[in-house]
Amino acid sequence: MEVEKNVQNQPHVEMSTAKPCRSCKWQTPDPTDPHRGQCTANRHAMGGVWKRWLRDVENTTCSRHEEGKLSFRDHV
């Protein structure tokens, strides 16, 4: 059961999801390919960011999906 929770926190493919990474505030689009991007929602215990590469921002989601804009405070 613990593994399932962990998988939901990580970006994973979910075809035709209602909460795609494209609309999430934690996603940074790739400037050369609009279908790819980076996710910065996950952080380790010391507060550092773990970037996750997203291959398909339309069909990828996770349980940390939040719509809106990333504020300056979220970067630090």
C-alpha atoms as a PDB file:
ATOM      1  CA  MET A   1       0.000   0.000   0.000  1.00  0.00           C
ATOM      2  CA  GLU A   2       2.859   2.393   0.772  1.00  0.00           C
ATOM      3  CA  VAL A   3       4.203   1.851  -2.744  1.00  0.00           C
ATOM      4  CA  GLU A   4       0.874   2.893  -4.279  1.00  0.00           C
ATOM      5  CA  LYS A   5       0.887   6.171  -2.334  1.00  0.00           C
ATOM      6  CA  ASN A   6       4.436   6.874  -3.468  1.00  0.00           C
ATOM      7  CA  VAL A   7       3.504   6.232  -7.106  1.00  0.00           C
ATOM      8  CA  GLN A   8       0.601   8.692  -6.856  1.00  0.00           C
ATOM      9  CA  ASN A   9       2.964  11.417  -5.605  1.00  0.00           C
ATOM     10  CA  GLN A  10       5.266  10.917  -8.582  1.00  0.00           C
ATOM     11  CA  PRO A  11       4.345  12.070 -12.092  1.00  0.00           C
ATOM     12  CA  HIS A  12       2.802   9.129 -13.920  1.00  0.00           C
ATOM     13  CA  VAL A  13       0.986   8.580 -17.219  1.00  0.00           C
ATOM     14  CA  GLU A  14      -2.788   8.724 -17.009  1.00  0.00           C
ATOM     15  CA  MET A  15      -4.407   8.980 -20.434  1.00  0.00           C
ATOM     16  CA  SER A  16      -7.009  11.777 -20.800  1.00  0.00           C
ATOM     17  CA  THR A  17      -6.532  12.933 -17.197  1.00  0.00           C
ATOM     18  CA  ALA A  18      -8.626  15.787 -15.830  1.00  0.00           C
ATOM     19  CA  LYS A  19      -5.524  17.225 -14.108  1.00  0.00           C
ATOM     20  CA  PRO A  20      -2.721  17.279 -16.700  1.00  0.00           C
ATOM     21  CA  CYS A  21       0.736  18.603 -15.845  1.00  0.00           C
ATOM     22  CA  ARG A  22       0.262  21.326 -18.487  1.00  0.00           C
ATOM     23  CA  SER A  23      -2.158  23.175 -16.140  1.00  0.00           C
ATOM     24  CA  CYS A  24      -0.151  22.579 -12.940  1.00  0.00           C
ATOM     25  CA  LYS A  25       1.761  25.426 -11.305  1.00  0.00           C
ATOM     26  CA  TRP A  26       4.744  23.131 -10.574  1.00  0.00           C
ATOM     27  CA  GLN A  27       5.341  22.391 -14.282  1.00  0.00           C
ATOM     28  CA  THR A  28       7.904  24.369 -16.266  1.00  0.00           C
ATOM     29  CA  PRO A  29       7.469  23.994 -20.035  1.00  0.00           C
ATOM     30  CA  ASP A  30      10.341  22.939 -22.253  1.00  0.00           C
ATOM     31  CA  PRO A  31      11.161  25.932 -24.522  1.00  0.00           C
ATOM     32  CA  THR A  32      11.961  23.703 -27.510  1.00  0.00           C
ATOM     33  CA  ASP A  33       9.150  21.114 -27.243  1.00  0.00           C
ATOM     34  CA  PRO A  34       5.730  22.190 -25.885  1.00  0.00           C
ATOM     35  CA  HIS A  35       4.731  18.557 -25.171  1.00  0.00           C
ATOM     36  CA  ARG A  36       7.533  18.130 -22.613  1.00  0.00           C
ATOM     37  CA  GLY A  37       8.503  19.902 -19.401  1.00  0.00           C
ATOM     38  CA  GLN A  38       9.886  19.685 -15.872  1.00  0.00           C
ATOM     39  CA  CYS A  39       8.104  19.139 -12.558  1.00  0.00           C
ATOM     40  CA  THR A  40       9.416  20.785  -9.366  1.00  0.00           C
ATOM     41  CA  ALA A  41       6.654  19.716  -6.912  1.00  0.00           C
ATOM     42  CA  ASN A  42       8.761  17.106  -5.086  1.00  0.00           C
ATOM     43  CA  ARG A  43      11.256  18.222  -2.452  1.00  0.00           C
ATOM     44  CA  HIS A  44      13.542  16.312  -0.102  1.00  0.00           C
ATOM     45  CA  ALA A  45      13.714  16.733   3.686  1.00  0.00           C
ATOM     46  CA  MET A  46      16.210  19.618   3.493  1.00  0.00           C
ATOM     47  CA  GLY A  47      13.878  21.568   1.182  1.00  0.00           C
ATOM     48  CA  GLY A  48      15.816  21.055  -2.037  1.00  0.00           C
ATOM     49  CA  VAL A  49      13.907  20.523  -5.281  1.00  0.00           C
ATOM     50  CA  TRP A  50      13.944  17.244  -7.190  1.00  0.00           C
ATOM     51  CA  LYS A  51      13.219  17.996 -10.822  1.00  0.00           C
ATOM     52  CA  ARG A  52      11.289  15.385 -12.736  1.00  0.00           C
ATOM     53  CA  TRP A  53      11.391  15.360 -16.524  1.00  0.00           C
ATOM     54  CA  LEU A  54       7.973  15.058 -18.140  1.00  0.00           C
ATOM     55  CA  ARG A  55       7.747  13.439 -21.568  1.00  0.00           C
ATOM     56  CA  ASP A  56       4.038  14.169 -22.131  1.00  0.00           C
ATOM     57  CA  VAL A  57       2.513  17.094 -20.206  1.00  0.00           C
ATOM     58  CA  GLU A  58      -0.987  16.369 -21.566  1.00  0.00           C
ATOM     59  CA  ASN A  59      -1.282  12.793 -20.249  1.00  0.00           C
ATOM     60  CA  THR A  60       0.858  12.963 -17.097  1.00  0.00           C
ATOM     61  CA  THR A  61      -0.406  13.793 -13.596  1.00  0.00           C
ATOM     62  CA  CYS A  62       0.249  13.234  -9.885  1.00  0.00           C
ATOM     63  CA  SER A  63      -1.472  13.811  -6.544  1.00  0.00           C
ATOM     64  CA  ARG A  64       0.354  17.142  -6.057  1.00  0.00           C
ATOM     65  CA  HIS A  65      -1.410  18.822  -8.993  1.00  0.00           C
ATOM     66  CA  GLU A  66      -2.227  22.470  -8.240  1.00  0.00           C
ATOM     67  CA  GLU A  67      -3.541  24.944 -10.777  1.00  0.00           C
ATOM     68  CA  GLY A  68      -2.321  28.503 -10.711  1.00  0.00           C
ATOM     69  CA  LYS A  69       0.959  30.388 -10.888  1.00  0.00           C
ATOM     70  CA  LEU A  70       4.156  29.559  -9.037  1.00  0.00           C
ATOM     71  CA  SER A  71       4.980  32.393  -6.638  1.00  0.00           C
ATOM     72  CA  PHE A  72       8.475  33.637  -5.897  1.00  0.00           C
ATOM     73  CA  ARG A  73       8.289  32.162  -2.367  1.00  0.00           C
ATOM     74  CA  ASP A  74       7.718  28.666  -3.798  1.00  0.00           C
ATOM     75  CA  HIS A  75      11.111  28.875  -5.546  1.00  0.00           C
ATOM     76  CA  VAL A  76      13.080  29.431  -2.329  1.00  0.00           C
END
